[in-house]
Amino acid sequence: MQIITPTGDVEQTIVLDTMEKYYAFKDRIDLEGTTYRVDIKTPRNLKPSLIRWKYLDENGVERYMNIFDHPVIKNAFKLKGKLDANYRKQVQQIFNDLHKGIFSINGVTYNIVSGSLENTEAELVMSNIYKDIFGVDSESL
């Protein structure tokens, strides 16, 4: 991703390969006048998981929501292995709500725009994993 300043200059190019970098990026683009664009010159090996949907905000404006931006999921990454049963129940509730076509954030429940929920698996390339771990050539896979 390229971070674009309010004057239109490329300030920084970053690779979003960890959740920490993703959340730092999201915090940065929330600053007034800062935008971003995909850097087409940077290679991307694998596509990450994508779970997102559209909803109408309080003003009736259609917006996207990404599962990784939900406060409960975001905090799960920050807390890492320190999640209790109640926290796991909250995470499960998010997925149950998505199944029902709703989601709640900060005590407000929104309806998901019909047909907008996307759930795409992360891309895995097993041959490269085996090649790297076991040191085998691609011909033997």
Protein backbone atom coordinates (compact mmCIF):
# COMPACT_ATOMS: atom_id res chain seq x y z
CA MET A 1 0.00 0.00 0.00
CA GLN A 2 1.10 3.52 -0.68
CA ILE A 3 0.20 6.21 1.85
CA ILE A 4 -0.78 9.39 0.00
CA THR A 5 -0.45 12.80 1.69
CA PRO A 6 -3.13 15.51 1.33
CA THR A 7 -0.92 17.10 -1.36
CA GLY A 8 -1.00 13.87 -3.42
CA ASP A 9 2.58 12.77 -2.76
CA VAL A 10 3.51 9.18 -1.87
CA GLU A 11 4.63 9.44 1.74
CA GLN A 12 5.39 5.78 2.37
CA THR A 13 4.99 2.33 0.84
CA ILE A 14 4.17 -0.46 3.30
CA VAL A 15 3.51 -4.18 3.12
CA LEU A 16 0.59 -5.26 5.30
CA ASP A 17 1.90 -8.67 6.30
CA THR A 18 0.99 -8.65 10.00
CA MET A 19 -2.11 -7.62 11.94
CA GLU A 20 -0.03 -5.05 13.82
CA LYS A 21 0.93 -3.36 10.52
CA TYR A 22 -2.70 -3.56 9.34
CA TYR A 23 -4.06 -1.83 12.46
CA ALA A 24 -1.30 0.82 12.39
CA PHE A 25 -2.21 1.42 8.72
CA LYS A 26 -5.93 1.69 9.53
CA ASP A 27 -5.18 4.18 12.34
CA ARG A 28 -3.01 6.22 9.95
CA ILE A 29 -5.58 6.47 7.14
CA ASP A 30 -8.18 7.69 9.61
CA LEU A 31 -6.23 10.97 9.83
CA GLU A 32 -7.84 13.80 7.91
CA GLY A 33 -6.69 14.10 4.31
CA THR A 34 -4.69 10.87 4.25
CA THR A 35 -5.57 8.32 1.58
CA TYR A 36 -4.01 5.17 0.18
CA ARG A 37 -3.75 3.12 -2.97
CA VAL A 38 -2.56 -0.37 -3.80
CA ASP A 39 1.07 -0.34 -4.92
CA ILE A 40 0.93 -2.39 -8.13
CA LYS A 41 4.73 -2.77 -8.19
CA THR A 42 4.87 -4.65 -4.87
CA PRO A 43 4.43 -8.42 -5.24
CA ARG A 44 1.82 -10.14 -3.10
CA ASN A 45 2.37 -13.86 -2.65
CA LEU A 46 -0.86 -15.00 -1.00
CA LYS A 47 -4.31 -13.48 -0.67
CA PRO A 48 -5.48 -13.16 2.95
CA SER A 49 -8.86 -14.19 4.25
CA LEU A 50 -11.59 -11.66 3.53
CA ILE A 51 -14.82 -11.33 5.47
CA ARG A 52 -16.60 -8.07 4.77
CA TRP A 53 -20.07 -6.69 4.18
CA LYS A 54 -21.98 -3.50 3.42
CA TYR A 55 -24.30 -1.71 5.81
CA LEU A 56 -26.07 1.63 6.05
CA ASP A 57 -24.68 3.99 8.69
CA GLU A 58 -26.77 6.36 10.82
CA ASN A 59 -26.98 8.81 7.88
CA GLY A 60 -28.11 6.17 5.38
CA VAL A 61 -24.68 6.08 3.69
CA GLU A 62 -23.60 2.64 2.45
CA ARG A 63 -20.29 1.58 4.03
CA TYR A 64 -18.08 -1.50 4.14
CA MET A 65 -17.18 -3.29 7.36
CA ASN A 66 -14.28 -5.75 7.58
CA ILE A 67 -14.34 -8.47 10.25
CA PHE A 68 -10.81 -7.53 11.31
CA ASP A 69 -11.99 -3.98 12.11
CA HIS A 70 -14.66 -5.16 14.56
CA PRO A 71 -13.48 -4.13 18.06
CA VAL A 72 -13.88 -7.65 19.51
CA ILE A 73 -11.81 -9.25 16.73
CA LYS A 74 -9.27 -6.42 16.82
CA ASN A 75 -8.81 -6.88 20.57
CA ALA A 76 -8.44 -10.64 20.12
CA PHE A 77 -5.33 -10.04 18.03
CA LYS A 78 -3.98 -7.55 20.56
CA LEU A 79 -4.59 -9.86 23.55
CA LYS A 80 -3.16 -12.89 21.69
CA GLY A 81 -3.37 -15.97 23.99
CA LYS A 82 -5.10 -14.25 26.93
CA LEU A 83 -8.71 -14.88 25.93
CA ASP A 84 -11.17 -16.33 28.41
CA ALA A 85 -14.37 -18.28 27.69
CA ASN A 86 -16.50 -15.12 27.80
CA TYR A 87 -14.33 -13.45 25.19
CA ARG A 88 -14.50 -16.49 22.92
CA LYS A 89 -18.29 -16.36 23.33
CA GLN A 90 -18.30 -12.74 22.11
CA VAL A 91 -16.29 -13.71 19.02
CA GLN A 92 -18.68 -16.58 18.29
CA GLN A 93 -21.64 -14.22 18.70
CA ILE A 94 -20.25 -11.97 15.96
CA PHE A 95 -20.29 -14.89 13.53
CA ASN A 96 -23.79 -15.95 14.67
CA ASP A 97 -25.02 -12.39 14.05
CA LEU A 98 -23.42 -12.32 10.59
CA HIS A 99 -25.28 -15.51 9.79
CA LYS A 100 -28.52 -13.72 10.79
CA GLY A 101 -27.67 -10.72 8.57
CA ILE A 102 -26.82 -8.27 11.36
CA PHE A 103 -23.82 -7.03 13.30
CA SER A 104 -23.45 -4.91 16.42
CA ILE A 105 -20.76 -2.41 17.21
CA ASN A 106 -20.59 -0.12 20.24
CA GLY A 107 -24.10 -1.16 21.26
CA VAL A 108 -25.68 -0.29 17.90
CA THR A 109 -27.07 -3.08 15.70
CA TYR A 110 -26.94 -2.69 11.92
CA ASN A 111 -28.52 -4.73 9.13
CA ILE A 112 -26.16 -6.13 6.52
CA VAL A 113 -27.11 -5.08 2.99
CA SER A 114 -28.65 -8.18 1.41
CA GLY A 115 -26.19 -10.12 -0.76
CA SER A 116 -23.15 -8.06 0.29
CA LEU A 117 -21.54 -10.48 2.77
CA GLU A 118 -18.27 -11.81 1.32
CA ASN A 119 -16.40 -14.68 2.93
CA THR A 120 -13.27 -15.60 1.00
CA GLU A 121 -10.77 -18.13 2.28
CA ALA A 122 -7.12 -17.26 2.60
CA GLU A 123 -5.05 -18.51 -0.31
CA LEU A 124 -2.64 -21.31 0.57
CA VAL A 125 0.16 -22.58 -1.56
CA MET A 126 1.08 -25.94 -0.07
CA SER A 127 3.78 -26.72 -2.60
CA ASN A 128 5.83 -23.71 -1.51
CA ILE A 129 5.34 -24.57 2.17
CA TYR A 130 6.56 -28.15 1.64
CA LYS A 131 9.39 -26.99 -0.59
CA ASP A 132 10.65 -24.57 2.05
CA ILE A 133 10.16 -26.81 5.09
CA PHE A 134 11.39 -30.08 3.66
CA GLY A 135 13.87 -28.72 1.13
CA VAL A 136 12.36 -30.67 -1.79
CA ASP A 137 12.35 -29.59 -5.41
CA SER A 138 9.03 -28.74 -7.02
CA GLU A 139 9.34 -31.75 -9.36
CA SER A 140 8.77 -34.12 -6.45
CA LEU A 141 5.50 -32.53 -5.37
